Amino acid sequence: MIYLKSTLAGLLAVLAAAILIIIVVIVYISIASRSLQTEATGAIGWDPISLGKPLTWLLVVLGIFGVGFFWEFFRIRSK
């Protein structure tokens, strides 16, 4: 039962991180679009393609899952 609860906590951590990332991206795009409308100076200088590497995303998701899993695991185990 400890492993099931810890796994669910890990999955919830990944879901919460995904929701947080979506909110941050929406806010960033809205701020960037406003600054580009007022100052037409050229490119932003950020390459979003660099974030599209599958290994990077896999490591990030596994790291978030691991933090959520072990957080719950050690919290339940200490009781």
C-alpha atoms as a PDB file:
ATOM      1  CA  MET A   1       0.000   0.000   0.000  1.00  0.00           C
ATOM      2  CA  ILE A   2       2.931   2.325   0.661  1.00  0.00           C
ATOM      3  CA  TYR A   3       4.184   1.859  -2.900  1.00  0.00           C
ATOM      4  CA  LEU A   4       0.734   2.497  -4.398  1.00  0.00           C
ATOM      5  CA  LYS A   5       0.314   5.745  -2.476  1.00  0.00           C
ATOM      6  CA  SER A   6       3.843   6.805  -3.332  1.00  0.00           C
ATOM      7  CA  THR A   7       3.280   6.064  -7.018  1.00  0.00           C
ATOM      8  CA  LEU A   8       0.088   8.112  -7.009  1.00  0.00           C
ATOM      9  CA  ALA A   9       1.935  10.957  -5.298  1.00  0.00           C
ATOM     10  CA  GLY A  10       4.617  10.787  -7.992  1.00  0.00           C
ATOM     11  CA  LEU A  11       2.020  10.893 -10.758  1.00  0.00           C
ATOM     12  CA  LEU A  12       0.265  13.824  -9.086  1.00  0.00           C
ATOM     13  CA  ALA A  13       3.598  15.640  -8.865  1.00  0.00           C
ATOM     14  CA  VAL A  14       4.113  15.180 -12.614  1.00  0.00           C
ATOM     15  CA  LEU A  15       0.563  16.393 -13.313  1.00  0.00           C
ATOM     16  CA  ALA A  16       0.996  19.441 -11.059  1.00  0.00           C
ATOM     17  CA  ALA A  17       4.309  20.282 -12.722  1.00  0.00           C
ATOM     18  CA  ALA A  18       2.723  19.998 -16.172  1.00  0.00           C
ATOM     19  CA  ILE A  19      -0.101  22.352 -15.171  1.00  0.00           C
ATOM     20  CA  LEU A  20       2.403  24.793 -13.687  1.00  0.00           C
ATOM     21  CA  ILE A  21       4.515  24.707 -16.862  1.00  0.00           C
ATOM     22  CA  ILE A  22       1.450  25.403 -19.017  1.00  0.00           C
ATOM     23  CA  ILE A  23       0.526  28.399 -16.856  1.00  0.00           C
ATOM     24  CA  VAL A  24       4.095  29.749 -16.964  1.00  0.00           C
ATOM     25  CA  VAL A  25       4.273  29.365 -20.752  1.00  0.00           C
ATOM     26  CA  ILE A  26       0.949  31.173 -21.220  1.00  0.00           C
ATOM     27  CA  VAL A  27       2.081  34.052 -18.991  1.00  0.00           C
ATOM     28  CA  TYR A  28       5.464  34.199 -20.736  1.00  0.00           C
ATOM     29  CA  ILE A  29       3.890  34.274 -24.180  1.00  0.00           C
ATOM     30  CA  SER A  30       1.464  37.016 -23.174  1.00  0.00           C
ATOM     31  CA  ILE A  31       4.277  39.147 -21.728  1.00  0.00           C
ATOM     32  CA  ALA A  32       6.555  38.497 -24.696  1.00  0.00           C
ATOM     33  CA  SER A  33       3.831  39.318 -27.201  1.00  0.00           C
ATOM     34  CA  ARG A  34       3.151  42.650 -25.494  1.00  0.00           C
ATOM     35  CA  SER A  35       6.814  43.602 -25.530  1.00  0.00           C
ATOM     36  CA  LEU A  36       7.131  42.617 -29.192  1.00  0.00           C
ATOM     37  CA  GLN A  37       4.130  44.751 -30.136  1.00  0.00           C
ATOM     38  CA  THR A  38       5.564  47.861 -28.518  1.00  0.00           C
ATOM     39  CA  GLU A  39       9.197  47.372 -29.585  1.00  0.00           C
ATOM     40  CA  ALA A  40       9.707  45.961 -33.039  1.00  0.00           C
ATOM     41  CA  THR A  41      13.448  45.444 -32.581  1.00  0.00           C
ATOM     42  CA  GLY A  42      13.833  41.914 -33.902  1.00  0.00           C
ATOM     43  CA  ALA A  43      14.054  38.369 -32.642  1.00  0.00           C
ATOM     44  CA  ILE A  44      13.799  37.380 -28.991  1.00  0.00           C
ATOM     45  CA  GLY A  45      16.868  35.151 -29.131  1.00  0.00           C
ATOM     46  CA  TRP A  46      15.422  32.037 -27.523  1.00  0.00           C
ATOM     47  CA  ASP A  47      15.365  28.674 -29.279  1.00  0.00           C
ATOM     48  CA  PRO A  48      12.353  26.592 -28.159  1.00  0.00           C
ATOM     49  CA  ILE A  49      13.558  23.694 -30.307  1.00  0.00           C
ATOM     50  CA  SER A  50      16.326  23.077 -27.783  1.00  0.00           C
ATOM     51  CA  LEU A  51      13.681  21.994 -25.252  1.00  0.00           C
ATOM     52  CA  GLY A  52      12.258  19.390 -27.623  1.00  0.00           C
ATOM     53  CA  LYS A  53      14.885  16.726 -27.027  1.00  0.00           C
ATOM     54  CA  PRO A  54      13.204  13.536 -25.778  1.00  0.00           C
ATOM     55  CA  LEU A  55      15.968  12.621 -23.341  1.00  0.00           C
ATOM     56  CA  THR A  56      15.701  15.996 -21.630  1.00  0.00           C
ATOM     57  CA  TRP A  57      11.953  15.628 -21.125  1.00  0.00           C
ATOM     58  CA  LEU A  58      12.310  12.041 -19.959  1.00  0.00           C
ATOM     59  CA  LEU A  59      14.870  13.011 -17.329  1.00  0.00           C
ATOM     60  CA  VAL A  60      12.761  15.944 -16.148  1.00  0.00           C
ATOM     61  CA  VAL A  61       9.601  13.837 -15.842  1.00  0.00           C
ATOM     62  CA  LEU A  62      11.445  11.005 -14.098  1.00  0.00           C
ATOM     63  CA  GLY A  63      13.039  13.485 -11.713  1.00  0.00           C
ATOM     64  CA  ILE A  64       9.697  15.060 -10.814  1.00  0.00           C
ATOM     65  CA  PHE A  65       8.125  11.632 -10.390  1.00  0.00           C
ATOM     66  CA  GLY A  66      11.021  10.513  -8.198  1.00  0.00           C
ATOM     67  CA  VAL A  67      10.746  13.558  -5.953  1.00  0.00           C
ATOM     68  CA  GLY A  68       7.002  13.030  -5.501  1.00  0.00           C
ATOM     69  CA  PHE A  69       7.414   9.289  -4.984  1.00  0.00           C
ATOM     70  CA  PHE A  70      10.171   9.517  -2.398  1.00  0.00           C
ATOM     71  CA  TRP A  71       8.550  12.462  -0.616  1.00  0.00           C
ATOM     72  CA  GLU A  72       5.424  10.404   0.013  1.00  0.00           C
ATOM     73  CA  PHE A  73       7.351   7.190   0.620  1.00  0.00           C
ATOM     74  CA  PHE A  74       9.496   8.628   3.396  1.00  0.00           C
ATOM     75  CA  ARG A  75       6.592  10.594   4.833  1.00  0.00           C
ATOM     76  CA  ILE A  76       4.425   7.463   5.169  1.00  0.00           C
ATOM     77  CA  ARG A  77       7.301   5.296   6.312  1.00  0.00           C
ATOM     78  CA  SER A  78       8.226   7.603   9.173  1.00  0.00           C
ATOM     79  CA  LYS A  79       4.768   7.244  10.777  1.00  0.00           C
END
